[in-house]
């Protein structure tokens, strides 16, 4: 019995995704068709269509899974210990210093090897 329910949901999901695709096409074609109208009206229309398409997309199985993933990601981001401004500045300065030192080392090595090759070649 669950197999039939899953198959029925997937058919409705396909229909919902077709509605989402139709809304996107309507938005693109409508934006082109109403190109003479003020940009404010076109943007508001596109925002409304995008909200409706997102609502319909979130009603599908994949849309609900995406929403759950986004909520879990938000929870995980809140757990991150972000560096302070001082730590960020110090780390940035260390990286810049190491890059400059490595650039000087590579420049020196390149100059030395170029000088050796010019001695050998003549």
PDB file of N, CA and C in Angstrom:
ATOM      1  N   UNK A   1       0.806  -1.188   0.000  1.00  0.00           N
ATOM      2  CA  UNK A   1       0.000   0.000   0.000  1.00  0.00           C
ATOM      3  C   UNK A   1       0.857   1.263   0.000  1.00  0.00           C
ATOM      4  N   UNK A   2       2.000   1.230   0.659  1.00  0.00           N
ATOM      5  CA  UNK A   2       2.866   2.405   0.693  1.00  0.00           C
ATOM      6  C   UNK A   2       3.489   2.681  -0.666  1.00  0.00           C
ATOM      7  N   UNK A   3       3.722   1.625  -1.442  1.00  0.00           N
ATOM      8  CA  UNK A   3       4.297   1.824  -2.765  1.00  0.00           C
ATOM      9  C   UNK A   3       3.346   2.633  -3.631  1.00  0.00           C
ATOM     10  N   UNK A   4       2.045   2.346  -3.539  1.00  0.00           N
ATOM     11  CA  UNK A   4       1.064   3.100  -4.318  1.00  0.00           C
ATOM     12  C   UNK A   4       1.016   4.549  -3.858  1.00  0.00           C
ATOM     13  N   UNK A   5       1.101   4.761  -2.573  1.00  0.00           N
ATOM     14  CA  UNK A   5       1.067   6.131  -2.054  1.00  0.00           C
ATOM     15  C   UNK A   5       2.285   6.913  -2.527  1.00  0.00           C
ATOM     16  N   UNK A   6       3.459   6.278  -2.519  1.00  0.00           N
ATOM     17  CA  UNK A   6       4.670   6.944  -2.994  1.00  0.00           C
ATOM     18  C   UNK A   6       4.579   7.246  -4.480  1.00  0.00           C
ATOM     19  N   UNK A   7       4.046   6.308  -5.255  1.00  0.00           N
ATOM     20  CA  UNK A   7       3.912   6.536  -6.688  1.00  0.00           C
ATOM     21  C   UNK A   7       2.934   7.678  -6.954  1.00  0.00           C
ATOM     22  N   UNK A   8       1.846   7.732  -6.164  1.00  0.00           N
ATOM     23  CA  UNK A   8       0.872   8.805  -6.331  1.00  0.00           C
ATOM     24  C   UNK A   8       1.490  10.153  -5.983  1.00  0.00           C
ATOM     25  N   UNK A   9       2.277  10.200  -4.898  1.00  0.00           N
ATOM     26  CA  UNK A   9       2.940  11.449  -4.531  1.00  0.00           C
ATOM     27  C   UNK A   9       3.914  11.895  -5.609  1.00  0.00           C
ATOM     28  N   UNK A  10       4.637  10.951  -6.200  1.00  0.00           N
ATOM     29  CA  UNK A  10       5.621  11.330  -7.207  1.00  0.00           C
ATOM     30  C   UNK A  10       4.933  11.899  -8.446  1.00  0.00           C
ATOM     31  N   UNK A  11       3.749  11.389  -8.785  1.00  0.00           N
ATOM     32  CA  UNK A  11       3.021  11.951  -9.923  1.00  0.00           C
ATOM     33  C   UNK A  11       2.583  13.372  -9.617  1.00  0.00           C
ATOM     34  N   UNK A  12       2.096  13.591  -8.406  1.00  0.00           N
ATOM     35  CA  UNK A  12       1.708  14.952  -8.033  1.00  0.00           C
ATOM     36  C   UNK A  12       2.920  15.857  -7.934  1.00  0.00           C
ATOM     37  N   UNK A  13       4.046  15.291  -7.484  1.00  0.00           N
ATOM     38  CA  UNK A  13       5.270  16.077  -7.441  1.00  0.00           C
ATOM     39  C   UNK A  13       5.669  16.524  -8.841  1.00  0.00           C
ATOM     40  N   UNK A  14       5.558  15.626  -9.792  1.00  0.00           N
ATOM     41  CA  UNK A  14       5.892  15.983 -11.173  1.00  0.00           C
ATOM     42  C   UNK A  14       4.968  17.098 -11.664  1.00  0.00           C
ATOM     43  N   UNK A  15       3.696  17.002 -11.333  1.00  0.00           N
ATOM     44  CA  UNK A  15       2.753  18.033 -11.729  1.00  0.00           C
ATOM     45  C   UNK A  15       3.116  19.373 -11.077  1.00  0.00           C
ATOM     46  N   UNK A  16       3.501  19.321  -9.811  1.00  0.00           N
ATOM     47  CA  UNK A  16       3.886  20.551  -9.110  1.00  0.00           C
ATOM     48  C   UNK A  16       5.135  21.160  -9.734  1.00  0.00           C
ATOM     49  N   UNK A  17       6.110  20.319 -10.098  1.00  0.00           N
ATOM     50  CA  UNK A  17       7.324  20.845 -10.729  1.00  0.00           C
ATOM     51  C   UNK A  17       7.008  21.428 -12.099  1.00  0.00           C
ATOM     52  N   UNK A  18       6.043  20.842 -12.797  1.00  0.00           N
ATOM     53  CA  UNK A  18       5.624  21.423 -14.077  1.00  0.00           C
ATOM     54  C   UNK A  18       4.977  22.799 -13.864  1.00  0.00           C
ATOM     55  N   UNK A  19       4.209  22.939 -12.779  1.00  0.00           N
ATOM     56  CA  UNK A  19       3.615  24.241 -12.451  1.00  0.00           C
ATOM     57  C   UNK A  19       4.723  25.248 -12.152  1.00  0.00           C
ATOM     58  N   UNK A  20       5.745  24.815 -11.398  1.00  0.00           N
ATOM     59  CA  UNK A  20       6.876  25.702 -11.093  1.00  0.00           C
ATOM     60  C   UNK A  20       7.567  26.132 -12.381  1.00  0.00           C
ATOM     61  N   UNK A  21       7.813  25.183 -13.286  1.00  0.00           N
ATOM     62  CA  UNK A  21       8.467  25.508 -14.555  1.00  0.00           C
ATOM     63  C   UNK A  21       7.597  26.461 -15.375  1.00  0.00           C
ATOM     64  N   UNK A  22       6.280  26.234 -15.366  1.00  0.00           N
ATOM     65  CA  UNK A  22       5.378  27.122 -16.105  1.00  0.00           C
ATOM     66  C   UNK A  22       5.413  28.533 -15.509  1.00  0.00           C
ATOM     67  N   UNK A  23       5.472  28.639 -14.191  1.00  0.00           N
ATOM     68  CA  UNK A  23       5.556  29.956 -13.561  1.00  0.00           C
ATOM     69  C   UNK A  23       6.851  30.672 -13.934  1.00  0.00           C
ATOM     70  N   UNK A  24       7.947  29.938 -14.015  1.00  0.00           N
ATOM     71  CA  UNK A  24       9.219  30.543 -14.413  1.00  0.00           C
ATOM     72  C   UNK A  24       9.146  31.016 -15.858  1.00  0.00           C
ATOM     73  N   UNK A  25       8.565  30.201 -16.722  1.00  0.00           N
ATOM     74  CA  UNK A  25       8.430  30.590 -18.130  1.00  0.00           C
ATOM     75  C   UNK A  25       7.525  31.811 -18.254  1.00  0.00           C
ATOM     76  N   UNK A  26       6.434  31.836 -17.507  1.00  0.00           N
ATOM     77  CA  UNK A  26       5.536  32.993 -17.530  1.00  0.00           C
ATOM     78  C   UNK A  26       6.278  34.240 -17.064  1.00  0.00           C
ATOM     79  N   UNK A  27       7.111  34.095 -16.053  1.00  0.00           N
ATOM     80  CA  UNK A  27       7.888  35.235 -15.566  1.00  0.00           C
ATOM     81  C   UNK A  27       8.850  35.761 -16.610  1.00  0.00           C
ATOM     82  N   UNK A  28       9.563  34.867 -17.275  1.00  0.00           N
ATOM     83  CA  UNK A  28      10.538  35.289 -18.283  1.00  0.00           C
ATOM     84  C   UNK A  28       9.841  35.916 -19.491  1.00  0.00           C
ATOM     85  N   UNK A  29       8.812  35.243 -19.986  1.00  0.00           N
ATOM     86  CA  UNK A  29       8.100  35.757 -21.154  1.00  0.00           C
ATOM     87  C   UNK A  29       7.368  37.054 -20.799  1.00  0.00           C
ATOM     88  N   UNK A  30       6.749  37.091 -19.618  1.00  0.00           N
ATOM     89  CA  UNK A  30       6.041  38.296 -19.200  1.00  0.00           C
ATOM     90  C   UNK A  30       6.978  39.476 -19.028  1.00  0.00           C
ATOM     91  N   UNK A  31       8.161  39.231 -18.501  1.00  0.00           N
ATOM     92  CA  UNK A  31       9.140  40.307 -18.340  1.00  0.00           C
ATOM     93  C   UNK A  31       9.540  40.865 -19.700  1.00  0.00           C
ATOM     94  N   UNK A  32       9.694  40.001 -20.676  1.00  0.00           N
ATOM     95  CA  UNK A  32      10.040  40.443 -22.021  1.00  0.00           C
ATOM     96  C   UNK A  32       8.853  41.165 -22.675  1.00  0.00           C
ATOM     97  N   UNK A  33       7.670  40.604 -22.493  1.00  0.00           N
ATOM     98  CA  UNK A  33       6.465  41.176 -23.119  1.00  0.00           C
ATOM     99  C   UNK A  33       6.169  42.566 -22.565  1.00  0.00           C
ATOM    100  N   UNK A  34       6.356  42.739 -21.258  1.00  0.00           N
ATOM    101  CA  UNK A  34       6.063  44.026 -20.623  1.00  0.00           C
ATOM    102  C   UNK A  34       7.325  44.868 -20.450  1.00  0.00           C
ATOM    103  N   UNK A  35       8.246  44.777 -21.387  1.00  0.00           N
ATOM    104  CA  UNK A  35       9.503  45.513 -21.277  1.00  0.00           C
ATOM    105  C   UNK A  35       9.306  47.025 -21.326  1.00  0.00           C
ATOM    106  N   UNK A  36       8.188  47.479 -21.834  1.00  0.00           N
ATOM    107  CA  UNK A  36       7.920  48.908 -21.888  1.00  0.00           C
ATOM    108  C   UNK A  36       7.391  49.471 -20.573  1.00  0.00           C
ATOM    109  N   UNK A  37       6.983  48.601 -19.674  1.00  0.00           N
ATOM    110  CA  UNK A  37       6.440  49.039 -18.381  1.00  0.00           C
ATOM    111  C   UNK A  37       7.579  49.431 -17.443  1.00  0.00           C
ATOM    112  N   UNK A  38       7.272  50.218 -16.415  1.00  0.00           N
ATOM    113  CA  UNK A  38       8.323  50.584 -15.452  1.00  0.00           C
ATOM    114  C   UNK A  38       8.933  49.349 -14.780  1.00  0.00           C
ATOM    115  N   UNK A  39      10.212  49.445 -14.494  1.00  0.00           N
ATOM    116  CA  UNK A  39      10.946  48.305 -13.939  1.00  0.00           C
ATOM    117  C   UNK A  39      10.390  47.884 -12.584  1.00  0.00           C
ATOM    118  N   UNK A  40       9.861  48.838 -11.810  1.00  0.00           N
ATOM    119  CA  UNK A  40       9.312  48.523 -10.498  1.00  0.00           C
ATOM    120  C   UNK A  40       8.177  47.517 -10.607  1.00  0.00           C
ATOM    121  N   UNK A  41       7.270  47.723 -11.545  1.00  0.00           N
ATOM    122  CA  UNK A  41       6.137  46.814 -11.716  1.00  0.00           C
ATOM    123  C   UNK A  41       6.606  45.434 -12.175  1.00  0.00           C
ATOM    124  N   UNK A  42       7.567  45.425 -13.057  1.00  0.00           N
ATOM    125  CA  UNK A  42       8.071  44.127 -13.538  1.00  0.00           C
ATOM    126  C   UNK A  42       8.759  43.366 -12.426  1.00  0.00           C
ATOM    127  N   UNK A  43       9.573  44.058 -11.603  1.00  0.00           N
ATOM    128  CA  UNK A  43      10.262  43.389 -10.497  1.00  0.00           C
ATOM    129  C   UNK A  43       9.257  42.871  -9.482  1.00  0.00           C
ATOM    130  N   UNK A  44       8.247  43.674  -9.161  1.00  0.00           N
ATOM    131  CA  UNK A  44       7.227  43.215  -8.215  1.00  0.00           C
ATOM    132  C   UNK A  44       6.489  41.986  -8.756  1.00  0.00           C
ATOM    133  N   UNK A  45       6.168  42.007 -10.034  1.00  0.00           N
ATOM    134  CA  UNK A  45       5.519  40.845 -10.645  1.00  0.00           C
ATOM    135  C   UNK A  45       6.396  39.610 -10.588  1.00  0.00           C
ATOM    136  N   UNK A  46       7.686  39.785 -10.883  1.00  0.00           N
ATOM    137  CA  UNK A  46       8.607  38.650 -10.827  1.00  0.00           C
ATOM    138  C   UNK A  46       8.764  38.138  -9.404  1.00  0.00           C
ATOM    139  N   UNK A  47       8.788  39.038  -8.428  1.00  0.00           N
ATOM    140  CA  UNK A  47       8.891  38.601  -7.032  1.00  0.00           C
ATOM    141  C   UNK A  47       7.661  37.810  -6.603  1.00  0.00           C
ATOM    142  N   UNK A  48       6.490  38.245  -7.022  1.00  0.00           N
ATOM    143  CA  UNK A  48       5.269  37.506  -6.697  1.00  0.00           C
ATOM    144  C   UNK A  48       5.300  36.131  -7.356  1.00  0.00           C
ATOM    145  N   UNK A  49       5.665  36.074  -8.628  1.00  0.00           N
ATOM    146  CA  UNK A  49       5.752  34.778  -9.317  1.00  0.00           C
ATOM    147  C   UNK A  49       6.792  33.869  -8.671  1.00  0.00           C
ATOM    148  N   UNK A  50       7.932  34.440  -8.264  1.00  0.00           N
ATOM    149  CA  UNK A  50       8.963  33.644  -7.616  1.00  0.00           C
ATOM    150  C   UNK A  50       8.477  33.113  -6.275  1.00  0.00           C
ATOM    151  N   UNK A  51       7.733  33.921  -5.535  1.00  0.00           N
ATOM    152  CA  UNK A  51       7.198  33.463  -4.245  1.00  0.00           C
ATOM    153  C   UNK A  51       6.193  32.339  -4.445  1.00  0.00           C
ATOM    154  N   UNK A  52       5.329  32.467  -5.430  1.00  0.00           N
ATOM    155  CA  UNK A  52       4.352  31.410  -5.708  1.00  0.00           C
ATOM    156  C   UNK A  52       5.064  30.139  -6.166  1.00  0.00           C
ATOM    157  N   UNK A  53       6.063  30.293  -7.039  1.00  0.00           N
ATOM    158  CA  UNK A  53       6.810  29.122  -7.518  1.00  0.00           C
ATOM    159  C   UNK A  53       7.551  28.455  -6.369  1.00  0.00           C
ATOM    160  N   UNK A  54       8.144  29.249  -5.471  1.00  0.00           N
ATOM    161  CA  UNK A  54       8.838  28.670  -4.320  1.00  0.00           C
ATOM    162  C   UNK A  54       7.853  27.948  -3.410  1.00  0.00           C
ATOM    163  N   UNK A  55       6.675  28.530  -3.200  1.00  0.00           N
ATOM    164  CA  UNK A  55       5.660  27.883  -2.364  1.00  0.00           C
ATOM    165  C   UNK A  55       5.235  26.547  -2.954  1.00  0.00           C
ATOM    166  N   UNK A  56       4.990  26.528  -4.254  1.00  0.00           N
ATOM    167  CA  UNK A  56       4.589  25.280  -4.910  1.00  0.00           C
ATOM    168  C   UNK A  56       5.736  24.275  -4.867  1.00  0.00           C
ATOM    169  N   UNK A  57       6.957  24.737  -5.092  1.00  0.00           N
ATOM    170  CA  UNK A  57       8.113  23.837  -5.050  1.00  0.00           C
ATOM    171  C   UNK A  57       8.340  23.242  -3.678  1.00  0.00           C
ATOM    172  N   UNK A  58       8.063  24.015  -2.629  1.00  0.00           N
ATOM    173  CA  UNK A  58       8.239  23.501  -1.264  1.00  0.00           C
ATOM    174  C   UNK A  58       7.166  22.488  -0.877  1.00  0.00           C
ATOM    175  N   UNK A  59       6.121  22.359  -1.662  1.00  0.00           N
ATOM    176  CA  UNK A  59       5.079  21.375  -1.386  1.00  0.00           C
ATOM    177  C   UNK A  59       5.465  19.989  -1.900  1.00  0.00           C
ATOM    178  N   UNK A  60       6.544  19.891  -2.668  1.00  0.00           N
ATOM    179  CA  UNK A  60       6.981  18.598  -3.203  1.00  0.00           C
ATOM    180  C   UNK A  60       7.892  17.895  -2.199  1.00  0.00           C
ATOM    181  N   UNK A  61       8.168  16.644  -2.449  1.00  0.00           N
ATOM    182  CA  UNK A  61       9.060  15.894  -1.574  1.00  0.00           C
ATOM    183  C   UNK A  61      10.469  16.464  -1.569  1.00  0.00           C
ATOM    184  N   UNK A  62      10.984  16.772  -2.738  1.00  0.00           N
ATOM    185  CA  UNK A  62      12.326  17.343  -2.829  1.00  0.00           C
ATOM    186  C   UNK A  62      12.375  18.742  -2.229  1.00  0.00           C
ATOM    187  N   UNK A  63      11.301  19.506  -2.401  1.00  0.00           N
ATOM    188  CA  UNK A  63      11.243  20.840  -1.826  1.00  0.00           C
ATOM    189  C   UNK A  63      11.252  20.794  -0.305  1.00  0.00           C
ATOM    190  N   UNK A  64      10.522  19.843   0.265  1.00  0.00           N
ATOM    191  CA  UNK A  64      10.516  19.690   1.718  1.00  0.00           C
ATOM    192  C   UNK A  64      11.868  19.221   2.224  1.00  0.00           C
ATOM    193  N   UNK A  65      12.515  18.336   1.471  1.00  0.00           N
ATOM    194  CA  UNK A  65      13.857  17.884   1.858  1.00  0.00           C
ATOM    195  C   UNK A  65      14.840  19.045   1.813  1.00  0.00           C
ATOM    196  N   UNK A  66      14.735  19.895   0.801  1.00  0.00           N
ATOM    197  CA  UNK A  66      15.602  21.067   0.697  1.00  0.00           C
ATOM    198  C   UNK A  66      15.366  22.022   1.866  1.00  0.00           C
ATOM    199  N   UNK A  67      14.094  22.241   2.211  1.00  0.00           N
ATOM    200  CA  UNK A  67      13.768  23.137   3.320  1.00  0.00           C
ATOM    201  C   UNK A  67      14.321  22.579   4.630  1.00  0.00           C
ATOM    202  N   UNK A  68      14.213  21.264   4.816  1.00  0.00           N
ATOM    203  CA  UNK A  68      14.786  20.636   6.014  1.00  0.00           C
ATOM    204  C   UNK A  68      16.296  20.786   6.054  1.00  0.00           C
ATOM    205  N   UNK A  69      16.938  20.616   4.907  1.00  0.00           N
ATOM    206  CA  UNK A  69      18.389  20.789   4.831  1.00  0.00           C
ATOM    207  C   UNK A  69      18.783  22.228   5.147  1.00  0.00           C
ATOM    208  N   UNK A  70      18.020  23.187   4.643  1.00  0.00           N
ATOM    209  CA  UNK A  70      18.321  24.592   4.911  1.00  0.00           C
ATOM    210  C   UNK A  70      18.168  24.904   6.399  1.00  0.00           C
ATOM    211  N   UNK A  71      17.147  24.342   7.042  1.00  0.00           N
ATOM    212  CA  UNK A  71      16.964  24.566   8.475  1.00  0.00           C
ATOM    213  C   UNK A  71      18.102  23.943   9.271  1.00  0.00           C
ATOM    214  N   UNK A  72      18.534  22.745   8.882  1.00  0.00           N
ATOM    215  CA  UNK A  72      19.657  22.094   9.567  1.00  0.00           C
ATOM    216  C   UNK A  72      20.950  22.867   9.357  1.00  0.00           C
ATOM    217  N   UNK A  73      21.149  23.388   8.169  1.00  0.00           N
ATOM    218  CA  UNK A  73      22.349  24.180   7.894  1.00  0.00           C
ATOM    219  C   UNK A  73      22.360  25.440   8.744  1.00  0.00           C
ATOM    220  N   UNK A  74      21.204  26.051   8.921  1.00  0.00           N
ATOM    221  CA  UNK A  74      21.126  27.249   9.767  1.00  0.00           C
ATOM    222  C   UNK A  74      21.488  26.920  11.211  1.00  0.00           C
ATOM    223  N   UNK A  75      21.017  25.780  11.694  1.00  0.00           N
ATOM    224  CA  UNK A  75      21.356  25.358  13.059  1.00  0.00           C
ATOM    225  C   UNK A  75      22.861  25.140  13.178  1.00  0.00           C
ATOM    226  N   UNK A  76      23.460  24.511  12.174  1.00  0.00           N
ATOM    227  CA  UNK A  76      24.900  24.251  12.221  1.00  0.00           C
ATOM    228  C   UNK A  76      25.710  25.544  12.136  1.00  0.00           C
ATOM    229  N   UNK A  77      25.241  26.497  11.348  1.00  0.00           N
ATOM    230  CA  UNK A  77      25.955  27.773  11.238  1.00  0.00           C
ATOM    231  C   UNK A  77      25.944  28.499  12.574  1.00  0.00           C
ATOM    232  N   UNK A  78      24.845  28.365  13.308  1.00  0.00           N
ATOM    233  CA  UNK A  78      24.775  29.006  14.622  1.00  0.00           C
ATOM    234  C   UNK A  78      25.759  28.385  15.609  1.00  0.00           C
ATOM    235  N   UNK A  79      26.182  27.153  15.358  1.00  0.00           N
ATOM    236  CA  UNK A  79      27.133  26.481  16.248  1.00  0.00           C
ATOM    237  C   UNK A  79      28.577  26.900  15.981  1.00  0.00           C
ATOM    238  N   UNK A  80      28.832  27.525  14.851  1.00  0.00           N
ATOM    239  CA  UNK A  80      30.196  27.896  14.477  1.00  0.00           C
ATOM    240  C   UNK A  80      30.701  28.996  15.403  1.00  0.00           C
ATOM    241  N   UNK A  81      31.946  28.844  15.850  1.00  0.00           N
ATOM    242  CA  UNK A  81      32.578  29.882  16.650  1.00  0.00           C
ATOM    243  C   UNK A  81      33.357  30.771  15.689  1.00  0.00           C
ATOM    244  N   UNK A  82      32.847  31.969  15.472  1.00  0.00           N
ATOM    245  CA  UNK A  82      33.456  32.875  14.522  1.00  0.00           C
ATOM    246  C   UNK A  82      34.621  33.606  15.175  1.00  0.00           C
ATOM    247  N   UNK A  83      35.698  33.855  14.419  1.00  0.00           N
ATOM    248  CA  UNK A  83      36.848  34.558  15.008  1.00  0.00           C
ATOM    249  C   UNK A  83      36.519  36.016  15.297  1.00  0.00           C
ATOM    250  N   UNK A  84      37.250  36.547  16.266  1.00  0.00           N
ATOM    251  CA  UNK A  84      37.062  37.965  16.580  1.00  0.00           C
ATOM    252  C   UNK A  84      37.734  38.813  15.510  1.00  0.00           C
ATOM    253  N   UNK A  85      37.501  40.107  15.580  1.00  0.00           N
ATOM    254  CA  UNK A  85      38.118  41.005  14.610  1.00  0.00           C
ATOM    255  C   UNK A  85      39.635  40.968  14.739  1.00  0.00           C
ATOM    256  N   UNK A  86      40.128  40.915  15.973  1.00  0.00           N
ATOM    257  CA  UNK A  86      41.575  40.882  16.189  1.00  0.00           C
ATOM    258  C   UNK A  86      42.182  39.594  15.621  1.00  0.00           C
ATOM    259  N   UNK A  87      41.541  38.449  15.854  1.00  0.00           N
ATOM    260  CA  UNK A  87      42.049  37.187  15.308  1.00  0.00           C
ATOM    261  C   UNK A  87      42.050  37.211  13.782  1.00  0.00           C
ATOM    262  N   UNK A  88      41.006  37.755  13.191  1.00  0.00           N
ATOM    263  CA  UNK A  88      40.924  37.837  11.737  1.00  0.00           C
ATOM    264  C   UNK A  88      42.024  38.724  11.180  1.00  0.00           C
ATOM    265  N   UNK A  89      42.248  39.868  11.823  1.00  0.00           N
ATOM    266  CA  UNK A  89      43.297  40.785  11.372  1.00  0.00           C
ATOM    267  C   UNK A  89      44.669  40.135  11.481  1.00  0.00           C
ATOM    268  N   UNK A  90      44.944  39.485  12.601  1.00  0.00           N
ATOM    269  CA  UNK A  90      46.246  38.846  12.795  1.00  0.00           C
ATOM    270  C   UNK A  90      46.469  37.729  11.777  1.00  0.00           C
ATOM    271  N   UNK A  91      45.454  36.919  11.559  1.00  0.00           N
ATOM    272  CA  UNK A  91      45.583  35.831  10.584  1.00  0.00           C
ATOM    273  C   UNK A  91      45.809  36.382   9.185  1.00  0.00           C
ATOM    274  N   UNK A  92      45.093  37.440   8.832  1.00  0.00           N
ATOM    275  CA  UNK A  92      45.268  38.058   7.512  1.00  0.00           C
ATOM    276  C   UNK A  92      46.680  38.596   7.347  1.00  0.00           C
ATOM    277  N   UNK A  93      47.194  39.266   8.371  1.00  0.00           N
ATOM    278  CA  UNK A  93      48.558  39.799   8.293  1.00  0.00           C
ATOM    279  C   UNK A  93      49.586  38.673   8.176  1.00  0.00           C
ATOM    280  N   UNK A  94      49.379  37.574   8.876  1.00  0.00           N
ATOM    281  CA  UNK A  94      50.294  36.435   8.769  1.00  0.00           C
ATOM    282  C   UNK A  94      50.281  35.878   7.349  1.00  0.00           C
ATOM    283  N   UNK A  95      49.108  35.749   6.780  1.00  0.00           N
ATOM    284  CA  UNK A  95      48.996  35.227   5.411  1.00  0.00           C
ATOM    285  C   UNK A  95      49.684  36.165   4.424  1.00  0.00           C
ATOM    286  N   UNK A  96      49.471  37.461   4.574  1.00  0.00           N
ATOM    287  CA  UNK A  96      50.109  38.429   3.674  1.00  0.00           C
ATOM    288  C   UNK A  96      51.633  38.359   3.806  1.00  0.00           C
ATOM    289  N   UNK A  97      52.125  38.250   5.043  1.00  0.00           N
ATOM    290  CA  UNK A  97      53.570  38.176   5.267  1.00  0.00           C
ATOM    291  C   UNK A  97      54.161  36.916   4.635  1.00  0.00           C
ATOM    292  N   UNK A  98      53.490  35.787   4.818  1.00  0.00           N
ATOM    293  CA  UNK A  98      53.995  34.530   4.241  1.00  0.00           C
ATOM    294  C   UNK A  98      53.984  34.606   2.717  1.00  0.00           C
ATOM    295  N   UNK A  99      52.955  35.193   2.147  1.00  0.00           N
ATOM    296  CA  UNK A  99      52.887  35.325   0.685  1.00  0.00           C
ATOM    297  C   UNK A  99      54.026  36.210   0.183  1.00  0.00           C
ATOM    298  N   UNK A 100      54.288  37.313   0.866  1.00  0.00           N
ATOM    299  CA  UNK A 100      55.391  38.185   0.454  1.00  0.00           C
ATOM    300  C   UNK A 100      56.739  37.483   0.565  1.00  0.00           C
ATOM    301  N   UNK A 101      56.967  36.758   1.670  1.00  0.00           N
ATOM    302  CA  UNK A 101      58.236  36.034   1.840  1.00  0.00           C
ATOM    303  C   UNK A 101      58.388  34.981   0.747  1.00  0.00           C
ATOM    304  N   UNK A 102      57.324  34.233   0.468  1.00  0.00           N
ATOM    305  CA  UNK A 102      57.411  33.212  -0.575  1.00  0.00           C
ATOM    306  C   UNK A 102      57.631  33.847  -1.946  1.00  0.00           C
ATOM    307  N   UNK A 103      57.018  35.000  -2.190  1.00  0.00           N
ATOM    308  CA  UNK A 103      57.242  35.694  -3.460  1.00  0.00           C
ATOM    309  C   UNK A 103      58.696  36.104  -3.597  1.00  0.00           C
ATOM    310  N   UNK A 104      59.296  36.606  -2.522  1.00  0.00           N
ATOM    311  CA  UNK A 104      60.713  36.987  -2.566  1.00  0.00           C
ATOM    312  C   UNK A 104      61.609  35.765  -2.763  1.00  0.00           C
ATOM    313  N   UNK A 105      61.283  34.658  -2.086  1.00  0.00           N
ATOM    314  CA  UNK A 105      62.078  33.431  -2.242  1.00  0.00           C
ATOM    315  C   UNK A 105      61.997  32.935  -3.680  1.00  0.00           C
ATOM    316  N   UNK A 106      60.793  32.895  -4.234  1.00  0.00           N
ATOM    317  CA  UNK A 106      60.645  32.425  -5.613  1.00  0.00           C
ATOM    318  C   UNK A 106      61.300  33.374  -6.610  1.00  0.00           C
ATOM    319  N   UNK A 107      61.220  34.680  -6.359  1.00  0.00           N
ATOM    320  CA  UNK A 107      61.887  35.642  -7.231  1.00  0.00           C
ATOM    321  C   UNK A 107      63.397  35.437  -7.178  1.00  0.00           C
ATOM    322  N   UNK A 108      63.935  35.241  -5.975  1.00  0.00           N
ATOM    323  CA  UNK A 108      65.370  35.005  -5.834  1.00  0.00           C
ATOM    324  C   UNK A 108      65.798  33.715  -6.512  1.00  0.00           C
ATOM    325  N   UNK A 109      65.013  32.654  -6.329  1.00  0.00           N
ATOM    326  CA  UNK A 109      65.328  31.375  -6.961  1.00  0.00           C
ATOM    327  C   UNK A 109      65.263  31.493  -8.480  1.00  0.00           C
ATOM    328  N   UNK A 110      64.277  32.201  -8.986  1.00  0.00           N
ATOM    329  CA  UNK A 110      64.148  32.405 -10.427  1.00  0.00           C
ATOM    330  C   UNK A 110      65.343  33.190 -10.964  1.00  0.00           C
ATOM    331  N   UNK A 111      65.748  34.219 -10.249  1.00  0.00           N
ATOM    332  CA  UNK A 111      66.904  35.018 -10.684  1.00  0.00           C
ATOM    333  C   UNK A 111      68.176  34.178 -10.681  1.00  0.00           C
ATOM    334  N   UNK A 112      68.363  33.372  -9.635  1.00  0.00           N
ATOM    335  CA  UNK A 112      69.547  32.517  -9.534  1.00  0.00           C
ATOM    336  C   UNK A 112      69.575  31.493 -10.659  1.00  0.00           C
ATOM    337  N   UNK A 113      68.447  30.834 -10.884  1.00  0.00           N
ATOM    338  CA  UNK A 113      68.403  29.829 -11.949  1.00  0.00           C
ATOM    339  C   UNK A 113      68.578  30.471 -13.321  1.00  0.00           C
ATOM    340  N   UNK A 114      68.005  31.653 -13.515  1.00  0.00           N
ATOM    341  CA  UNK A 114      68.199  32.361 -14.777  1.00  0.00           C
ATOM    342  C   UNK A 114      69.655  32.730 -14.993  1.00  0.00           C
ATOM    343  N   UNK A 115      70.337  33.159 -13.947  1.00  0.00           N
ATOM    344  CA  UNK A 115      71.749  33.501 -14.035  1.00  0.00           C
ATOM    345  C   UNK A 115      72.587  32.271 -14.331  1.00  0.00           C
ATOM    346  N   UNK A 116      72.263  31.121 -13.666  1.00  0.00           N
ATOM    347  CA  UNK A 116      73.008  29.880 -13.934  1.00  0.00           C
ATOM    348  C   UNK A 116      72.803  29.402 -15.373  1.00  0.00           C
ATOM    349  N   UNK A 117      71.588  29.490 -15.861  1.00  0.00           N
ATOM    350  CA  UNK A 117      71.304  29.060 -17.243  1.00  0.00           C
ATOM    351  C   UNK A 117      72.034  29.973 -18.226  1.00  0.00           C
ATOM    352  N   UNK A 118      72.087  31.261 -17.944  1.00  0.00           N
ATOM    353  CA  UNK A 118      72.788  32.166 -18.861  1.00  0.00           C
ATOM    354  C   UNK A 118      74.305  31.894 -18.836  1.00  0.00           C
ATOM    355  N   UNK A 119      74.865  31.456 -17.699  1.00  0.00           N
ATOM    356  CA  UNK A 119      76.276  31.074 -17.658  1.00  0.00           C
ATOM    357  C   UNK A 119      76.540  29.820 -18.491  1.00  0.00           C
ATOM    358  N   UNK A 120      75.641  28.854 -18.388  1.00  0.00           N
ATOM    359  CA  UNK A 120      75.821  27.575 -19.095  1.00  0.00           C
ATOM    360  C   UNK A 120      75.620  27.779 -20.592  1.00  0.00           C
ATOM    361  N   UNK A 121      74.570  28.472 -20.967  1.00  0.00           N
ATOM    362  CA  UNK A 121      74.252  28.653 -22.381  1.00  0.00           C
ATOM    363  C   UNK A 121      75.236  29.596 -23.051  1.00  0.00           C
ATOM    364  N   UNK A 122      75.680  30.559 -22.304  1.00  0.00           N
ATOM    365  CA  UNK A 122      76.744  31.343 -22.855  1.00  0.00           C
ATOM    366  C   UNK A 122      76.501  32.753 -23.109  1.00  0.00           C
TER     367      UNK A 122
END
